[in-house]
């Protein structure tokens, strides 16, 4: 049976499968994945898995904390602030579908708050150096690796109308699908127009982003 892959990074894939099953949909061979999950799966299928250790978001926050501790602007940044900083930097990294460092430099350094933006960019560069030093790769690095290795896999590919993709995620989907993917929706997945999804359904399916402080996200 041919696999059907749906890239839905802002959705809870397991919960969506359960919801579809409750609505009477056969979910056999249906895979609903986040972007890093799809990237890792594609690399494994192509026999090109990373030889670096894949780190979690919490581990990446710890590295950001180490990188920011050497920066005079941030000083001894606590875990919560480091997590906010990591999310802010990652949100810009996901906009870069080609040269990441140049995109961040163009986006961050040309912002309004020059001193803070320079500090954020320097923390980013230190963070990337720490990843390399420790032979680690984070989720965004994993996505870029799948794109670089042209990790094309067999299957039918879709994005979800309810889950907007970043430029980097669109490039990942375009890569692994060989440029052949379509957009679908939760209702279309259920294959029944008369099925209505309640607000409770969608609340369970959506992964809400962490609230971020304007200090760290405004460049």
C-alpha atoms as a PDB file:
ATOM      1  CA  UNK A   1       0.000   0.000   0.000  1.00  0.00           C
ATOM      2  CA  UNK A   2       1.321   3.435  -0.968  1.00  0.00           C
ATOM      3  CA  UNK A   3       1.988   5.737   1.966  1.00  0.00           C
ATOM      4  CA  UNK A   4       0.281   9.112   2.207  1.00  0.00           C
ATOM      5  CA  UNK A   5       2.399  11.793   3.905  1.00  0.00           C
ATOM      6  CA  UNK A   6       0.924  14.986   5.307  1.00  0.00           C
ATOM      7  CA  UNK A   7       3.265  17.716   6.512  1.00  0.00           C
ATOM      8  CA  UNK A   8       1.396  19.516   9.290  1.00  0.00           C
ATOM      9  CA  UNK A   9       3.947  21.033  11.705  1.00  0.00           C
ATOM     10  CA  UNK A  10       1.435  23.020  13.761  1.00  0.00           C
ATOM     11  CA  UNK A  11      -0.911  20.068  14.245  1.00  0.00           C
ATOM     12  CA  UNK A  12      -0.868  17.223  16.731  1.00  0.00           C
ATOM     13  CA  UNK A  13      -0.484  14.344  14.257  1.00  0.00           C
ATOM     14  CA  UNK A  14      -1.393  11.546  16.660  1.00  0.00           C
ATOM     15  CA  UNK A  15      -4.503  13.349  17.826  1.00  0.00           C
ATOM     16  CA  UNK A  16      -5.511  14.107  14.238  1.00  0.00           C
ATOM     17  CA  UNK A  17      -5.243  10.412  13.339  1.00  0.00           C
ATOM     18  CA  UNK A  18      -7.369   9.497  16.357  1.00  0.00           C
ATOM     19  CA  UNK A  19      -9.929  12.157  15.416  1.00  0.00           C
ATOM     20  CA  UNK A  20     -10.127  10.906  11.833  1.00  0.00           C
ATOM     21  CA  UNK A  21     -10.545   7.333  13.083  1.00  0.00           C
ATOM     22  CA  UNK A  22     -13.399   8.449  15.367  1.00  0.00           C
ATOM     23  CA  UNK A  23     -15.041  10.054  12.321  1.00  0.00           C
ATOM     24  CA  UNK A  24     -14.884   6.688  10.515  1.00  0.00           C
ATOM     25  CA  UNK A  25     -11.791   7.290   8.359  1.00  0.00           C
ATOM     26  CA  UNK A  26      -9.382   4.405   7.647  1.00  0.00           C
ATOM     27  CA  UNK A  27      -5.961   5.818   8.617  1.00  0.00           C
ATOM     28  CA  UNK A  28      -3.847   2.862   7.459  1.00  0.00           C
ATOM     29  CA  UNK A  29      -0.701   4.100   5.641  1.00  0.00           C
ATOM     30  CA  UNK A  30      -1.537   7.707   6.555  1.00  0.00           C
ATOM     31  CA  UNK A  31       1.399   9.547   8.123  1.00  0.00           C
ATOM     32  CA  UNK A  32       0.932  13.013   9.614  1.00  0.00           C
ATOM     33  CA  UNK A  33       4.324  14.485  10.439  1.00  0.00           C
ATOM     34  CA  UNK A  34       6.127  17.538  11.669  1.00  0.00           C
ATOM     35  CA  UNK A  35       8.910  18.974   9.532  1.00  0.00           C
ATOM     36  CA  UNK A  36      11.882  17.542  11.471  1.00  0.00           C
ATOM     37  CA  UNK A  37      10.149  14.154  11.715  1.00  0.00           C
ATOM     38  CA  UNK A  38       9.597  14.070   7.947  1.00  0.00           C
ATOM     39  CA  UNK A  39      13.189  15.163   7.295  1.00  0.00           C
ATOM     40  CA  UNK A  40      14.632  12.422   9.519  1.00  0.00           C
ATOM     41  CA  UNK A  41      12.336   9.791   7.982  1.00  0.00           C
ATOM     42  CA  UNK A  42      13.310  10.816   4.443  1.00  0.00           C
ATOM     43  CA  UNK A  43      17.024  10.682   5.257  1.00  0.00           C
ATOM     44  CA  UNK A  44      16.627   7.213   6.786  1.00  0.00           C
ATOM     45  CA  UNK A  45      14.670   5.933   3.759  1.00  0.00           C
ATOM     46  CA  UNK A  46      17.377   7.237   1.412  1.00  0.00           C
ATOM     47  CA  UNK A  47      20.175   5.643   3.429  1.00  0.00           C
ATOM     48  CA  UNK A  48      21.624   9.032   4.325  1.00  0.00           C
ATOM     49  CA  UNK A  49      20.991   9.419   8.069  1.00  0.00           C
ATOM     50  CA  UNK A  50      22.925  12.078   9.918  1.00  0.00           C
ATOM     51  CA  UNK A  51      26.020  10.954  11.800  1.00  0.00           C
ATOM     52  CA  UNK A  52      25.473  13.767  14.302  1.00  0.00           C
ATOM     53  CA  UNK A  53      23.432  13.525  17.481  1.00  0.00           C
ATOM     54  CA  UNK A  54      19.966  14.992  17.051  1.00  0.00           C
ATOM     55  CA  UNK A  55      19.192  17.296  19.956  1.00  0.00           C
ATOM     56  CA  UNK A  56      15.818  18.227  21.417  1.00  0.00           C
ATOM     57  CA  UNK A  57      14.528  21.776  21.749  1.00  0.00           C
ATOM     58  CA  UNK A  58      15.388  21.738  25.473  1.00  0.00           C
ATOM     59  CA  UNK A  59      18.974  20.799  24.636  1.00  0.00           C
ATOM     60  CA  UNK A  60      19.153  23.539  22.028  1.00  0.00           C
ATOM     61  CA  UNK A  61      17.937  26.016  24.649  1.00  0.00           C
ATOM     62  CA  UNK A  62      20.799  24.927  26.912  1.00  0.00           C
ATOM     63  CA  UNK A  63      23.263  25.612  24.097  1.00  0.00           C
ATOM     64  CA  UNK A  64      21.654  29.008  23.449  1.00  0.00           C
ATOM     65  CA  UNK A  65      22.012  29.701  27.165  1.00  0.00           C
ATOM     66  CA  UNK A  66      25.716  28.857  26.981  1.00  0.00           C
ATOM     67  CA  UNK A  67      26.145  31.021  23.877  1.00  0.00           C
ATOM     68  CA  UNK A  68      24.307  33.981  25.415  1.00  0.00           C
ATOM     69  CA  UNK A  69      26.303  33.792  28.665  1.00  0.00           C
ATOM     70  CA  UNK A  70      29.358  34.941  26.709  1.00  0.00           C
ATOM     71  CA  UNK A  71      27.458  37.924  25.324  1.00  0.00           C
ATOM     72  CA  UNK A  72      27.556  41.196  27.258  1.00  0.00           C
ATOM     73  CA  UNK A  73      24.074  42.214  26.125  1.00  0.00           C
ATOM     74  CA  UNK A  74      22.304  39.122  27.489  1.00  0.00           C
ATOM     75  CA  UNK A  75      24.688  38.186  30.299  1.00  0.00           C
ATOM     76  CA  UNK A  76      23.494  35.366  32.553  1.00  0.00           C
ATOM     77  CA  UNK A  77      20.268  34.557  30.707  1.00  0.00           C
ATOM     78  CA  UNK A  78      17.892  32.223  32.556  1.00  0.00           C
ATOM     79  CA  UNK A  79      16.230  29.197  30.970  1.00  0.00           C
ATOM     80  CA  UNK A  80      12.938  30.951  30.205  1.00  0.00           C
ATOM     81  CA  UNK A  81      14.626  33.878  28.469  1.00  0.00           C
ATOM     82  CA  UNK A  82      16.958  31.488  26.625  1.00  0.00           C
ATOM     83  CA  UNK A  83      13.924  29.530  25.375  1.00  0.00           C
ATOM     84  CA  UNK A  84      12.328  32.743  24.132  1.00  0.00           C
ATOM     85  CA  UNK A  85      15.573  33.714  22.429  1.00  0.00           C
ATOM     86  CA  UNK A  86      15.844  30.267  20.809  1.00  0.00           C
ATOM     87  CA  UNK A  87      12.270  30.524  19.508  1.00  0.00           C
ATOM     88  CA  UNK A  88      12.899  34.009  18.137  1.00  0.00           C
ATOM     89  CA  UNK A  89      16.059  32.940  16.314  1.00  0.00           C
ATOM     90  CA  UNK A  90      14.430  29.743  15.021  1.00  0.00           C
ATOM     91  CA  UNK A  91      11.468  31.682  13.635  1.00  0.00           C
ATOM     92  CA  UNK A  92      13.867  33.667  11.447  1.00  0.00           C
ATOM     93  CA  UNK A  93      15.889  30.556  10.528  1.00  0.00           C
ATOM     94  CA  UNK A  94      12.707  28.924   9.214  1.00  0.00           C
ATOM     95  CA  UNK A  95      12.254  31.839   6.799  1.00  0.00           C
ATOM     96  CA  UNK A  96      15.573  31.057   5.107  1.00  0.00           C
ATOM     97  CA  UNK A  97      15.092  28.513   2.329  1.00  0.00           C
ATOM     98  CA  UNK A  98      18.674  28.916   1.090  1.00  0.00           C
ATOM     99  CA  UNK A  99      21.672  30.538   2.842  1.00  0.00           C
ATOM    100  CA  UNK A 100      20.663  30.618   6.502  1.00  0.00           C
ATOM    101  CA  UNK A 101      23.400  32.838   7.919  1.00  0.00           C
ATOM    102  CA  UNK A 102      23.065  35.450   5.172  1.00  0.00           C
ATOM    103  CA  UNK A 103      19.292  35.527   5.617  1.00  0.00           C
ATOM    104  CA  UNK A 104      19.603  36.022   9.370  1.00  0.00           C
ATOM    105  CA  UNK A 105      22.245  38.686   8.878  1.00  0.00           C
ATOM    106  CA  UNK A 106      20.043  40.561   6.397  1.00  0.00           C
ATOM    107  CA  UNK A 107      16.927  40.181   8.561  1.00  0.00           C
ATOM    108  CA  UNK A 108      18.272  40.755  12.047  1.00  0.00           C
ATOM    109  CA  UNK A 109      21.128  43.229  11.592  1.00  0.00           C
ATOM    110  CA  UNK A 110      18.995  45.581   9.495  1.00  0.00           C
ATOM    111  CA  UNK A 111      16.334  45.758  12.182  1.00  0.00           C
ATOM    112  CA  UNK A 112      15.435  48.746  14.338  1.00  0.00           C
ATOM    113  CA  UNK A 113      17.229  47.824  17.559  1.00  0.00           C
ATOM    114  CA  UNK A 114      20.860  47.724  16.451  1.00  0.00           C
ATOM    115  CA  UNK A 115      22.549  46.774  19.750  1.00  0.00           C
ATOM    116  CA  UNK A 116      20.096  44.015  20.597  1.00  0.00           C
ATOM    117  CA  UNK A 117      20.012  42.691  17.037  1.00  0.00           C
ATOM    118  CA  UNK A 118      23.796  42.471  16.849  1.00  0.00           C
ATOM    119  CA  UNK A 119      23.779  40.567  20.142  1.00  0.00           C
ATOM    120  CA  UNK A 120      21.093  38.143  18.859  1.00  0.00           C
ATOM    121  CA  UNK A 121      23.054  37.492  15.664  1.00  0.00           C
ATOM    122  CA  UNK A 122      26.264  36.862  17.627  1.00  0.00           C
ATOM    123  CA  UNK A 123      24.431  34.417  19.901  1.00  0.00           C
ATOM    124  CA  UNK A 124      23.153  32.618  16.805  1.00  0.00           C
ATOM    125  CA  UNK A 125      26.688  32.279  15.404  1.00  0.00           C
ATOM    126  CA  UNK A 126      28.011  31.042  18.754  1.00  0.00           C
ATOM    127  CA  UNK A 127      25.140  28.552  18.972  1.00  0.00           C
ATOM    128  CA  UNK A 128      25.908  27.155  15.519  1.00  0.00           C
ATOM    129  CA  UNK A 129      29.580  26.849  16.491  1.00  0.00           C
ATOM    130  CA  UNK A 130      28.607  24.925  19.636  1.00  0.00           C
ATOM    131  CA  UNK A 131      26.487  22.547  17.563  1.00  0.00           C
ATOM    132  CA  UNK A 132      29.457  21.861  15.315  1.00  0.00           C
ATOM    133  CA  UNK A 133      31.868  21.502  18.219  1.00  0.00           C
ATOM    134  CA  UNK A 134      29.618  18.980  19.972  1.00  0.00           C
ATOM    135  CA  UNK A 135      28.819  17.127  16.720  1.00  0.00           C
ATOM    136  CA  UNK A 136      25.110  17.812  17.179  1.00  0.00           C
ATOM    137  CA  UNK A 137      22.299  18.812  14.849  1.00  0.00           C
ATOM    138  CA  UNK A 138      19.015  20.475  15.748  1.00  0.00           C
ATOM    139  CA  UNK A 139      15.636  20.120  14.039  1.00  0.00           C
ATOM    140  CA  UNK A 140      16.235  22.958  11.592  1.00  0.00           C
ATOM    141  CA  UNK A 141      19.635  21.530  10.711  1.00  0.00           C
ATOM    142  CA  UNK A 142      17.942  18.183  10.087  1.00  0.00           C
ATOM    143  CA  UNK A 143      15.497  19.816   7.664  1.00  0.00           C
ATOM    144  CA  UNK A 144      18.349  21.515   5.820  1.00  0.00           C
ATOM    145  CA  UNK A 145      20.250  18.233   5.613  1.00  0.00           C
ATOM    146  CA  UNK A 146      17.285  16.470   3.983  1.00  0.00           C
ATOM    147  CA  UNK A 147      17.071  19.281   1.443  1.00  0.00           C
ATOM    148  CA  UNK A 148      20.823  19.229   0.805  1.00  0.00           C
ATOM    149  CA  UNK A 149      20.840  15.441   0.335  1.00  0.00           C
ATOM    150  CA  UNK A 150      17.810  15.656  -1.972  1.00  0.00           C
ATOM    151  CA  UNK A 151      16.077  13.001   0.134  1.00  0.00           C
ATOM    152  CA  UNK A 152      13.218  12.038  -2.202  1.00  0.00           C
ATOM    153  CA  UNK A 153      10.924   9.243  -1.010  1.00  0.00           C
ATOM    154  CA  UNK A 154       8.007   7.343  -2.535  1.00  0.00           C
ATOM    155  CA  UNK A 155       4.478   8.273  -1.549  1.00  0.00           C
ATOM    156  CA  UNK A 156       1.676  10.786  -1.988  1.00  0.00           C
ATOM    157  CA  UNK A 157       2.420  14.111  -0.326  1.00  0.00           C
ATOM    158  CA  UNK A 158       0.165  16.816   1.029  1.00  0.00           C
ATOM    159  CA  UNK A 159       0.272  19.977   3.072  1.00  0.00           C
ATOM    160  CA  UNK A 160      -2.676  20.883   5.273  1.00  0.00           C
ATOM    161  CA  UNK A 161      -4.728  24.029   4.681  1.00  0.00           C
ATOM    162  CA  UNK A 162      -5.081  24.494   8.446  1.00  0.00           C
ATOM    163  CA  UNK A 163      -1.295  24.290   9.012  1.00  0.00           C
ATOM    164  CA  UNK A 164       0.620  27.095   7.294  1.00  0.00           C
ATOM    165  CA  UNK A 165       4.172  26.197   6.231  1.00  0.00           C
ATOM    166  CA  UNK A 166       7.260  28.370   6.490  1.00  0.00           C
ATOM    167  CA  UNK A 167       9.465  28.864   3.391  1.00  0.00           C
ATOM    168  CA  UNK A 168      11.913  26.233   4.686  1.00  0.00           C
ATOM    169  CA  UNK A 169       9.118  23.711   5.305  1.00  0.00           C
ATOM    170  CA  UNK A 170       7.749  24.310   1.812  1.00  0.00           C
ATOM    171  CA  UNK A 171      11.197  23.616   0.375  1.00  0.00           C
ATOM    172  CA  UNK A 172      11.437  20.422   2.449  1.00  0.00           C
ATOM    173  CA  UNK A 173       8.075  19.196   1.172  1.00  0.00           C
ATOM    174  CA  UNK A 174       9.005  20.103  -2.382  1.00  0.00           C
ATOM    175  CA  UNK A 175      12.274  18.158  -1.989  1.00  0.00           C
ATOM    176  CA  UNK A 176      11.039  14.922  -0.412  1.00  0.00           C
ATOM    177  CA  UNK A 177       8.031  14.745  -2.751  1.00  0.00           C
ATOM    178  CA  UNK A 178      10.104  15.350  -5.850  1.00  0.00           C
ATOM    179  CA  UNK A 179       8.088  18.518  -6.432  1.00  0.00           C
ATOM    180  CA  UNK A 180       4.767  16.677  -6.494  1.00  0.00           C
ATOM    181  CA  UNK A 181       2.452  17.533  -3.611  1.00  0.00           C
ATOM    182  CA  UNK A 182      -1.038  18.926  -3.088  1.00  0.00           C
ATOM    183  CA  UNK A 183      -2.976  20.805  -0.446  1.00  0.00           C
ATOM    184  CA  UNK A 184      -5.746  19.112   1.490  1.00  0.00           C
ATOM    185  CA  UNK A 185      -7.814  19.923   4.573  1.00  0.00           C
ATOM    186  CA  UNK A 186      -9.019  18.095   7.660  1.00  0.00           C
ATOM    187  CA  UNK A 187     -12.527  17.817   6.166  1.00  0.00           C
ATOM    188  CA  UNK A 188     -11.168  16.384   2.902  1.00  0.00           C
ATOM    189  CA  UNK A 189      -9.130  13.836   4.850  1.00  0.00           C
ATOM    190  CA  UNK A 190     -12.350  12.620   6.422  1.00  0.00           C
ATOM    191  CA  UNK A 191     -13.804  12.193   2.908  1.00  0.00           C
ATOM    192  CA  UNK A 192     -17.183  13.310   4.119  1.00  0.00           C
ATOM    193  CA  UNK A 193     -18.386  16.868   3.633  1.00  0.00           C
ATOM    194  CA  UNK A 194     -21.238  16.325   6.074  1.00  0.00           C
ATOM    195  CA  UNK A 195     -18.829  15.641   8.933  1.00  0.00           C
ATOM    196  CA  UNK A 196     -18.350  18.735  11.055  1.00  0.00           C
ATOM    197  CA  UNK A 197     -15.343  19.228  13.255  1.00  0.00           C
ATOM    198  CA  UNK A 198     -16.139  21.000  16.483  1.00  0.00           C
ATOM    199  CA  UNK A 199     -14.051  23.682  18.162  1.00  0.00           C
ATOM    200  CA  UNK A 200     -13.055  21.039  20.714  1.00  0.00           C
ATOM    201  CA  UNK A 201     -11.709  18.871  17.881  1.00  0.00           C
ATOM    202  CA  UNK A 202      -9.559  21.681  16.514  1.00  0.00           C
ATOM    203  CA  UNK A 203      -8.367  22.734  19.968  1.00  0.00           C
ATOM    204  CA  UNK A 204      -7.008  19.230  20.510  1.00  0.00           C
ATOM    205  CA  UNK A 205      -5.404  19.133  17.067  1.00  0.00           C
ATOM    206  CA  UNK A 206      -3.587  22.450  17.168  1.00  0.00           C
ATOM    207  CA  UNK A 207      -0.192  22.850  18.787  1.00  0.00           C
ATOM    208  CA  UNK A 208      -0.214  26.383  20.123  1.00  0.00           C
ATOM    209  CA  UNK A 209       3.052  28.342  19.945  1.00  0.00           C
ATOM    210  CA  UNK A 210       4.669  29.520  23.141  1.00  0.00           C
ATOM    211  CA  UNK A 211       3.949  33.150  24.000  1.00  0.00           C
ATOM    212  CA  UNK A 212       6.995  35.271  23.204  1.00  0.00           C
ATOM    213  CA  UNK A 213       8.173  38.561  24.600  1.00  0.00           C
ATOM    214  CA  UNK A 214       8.391  41.568  22.301  1.00  0.00           C
ATOM    215  CA  UNK A 215      11.916  42.265  23.604  1.00  0.00           C
ATOM    216  CA  UNK A 216      13.243  39.143  21.917  1.00  0.00           C
ATOM    217  CA  UNK A 217      11.053  38.825  18.829  1.00  0.00           C
ATOM    218  CA  UNK A 218      11.123  42.414  17.560  1.00  0.00           C
ATOM    219  CA  UNK A 219      14.173  42.979  15.394  1.00  0.00           C
END
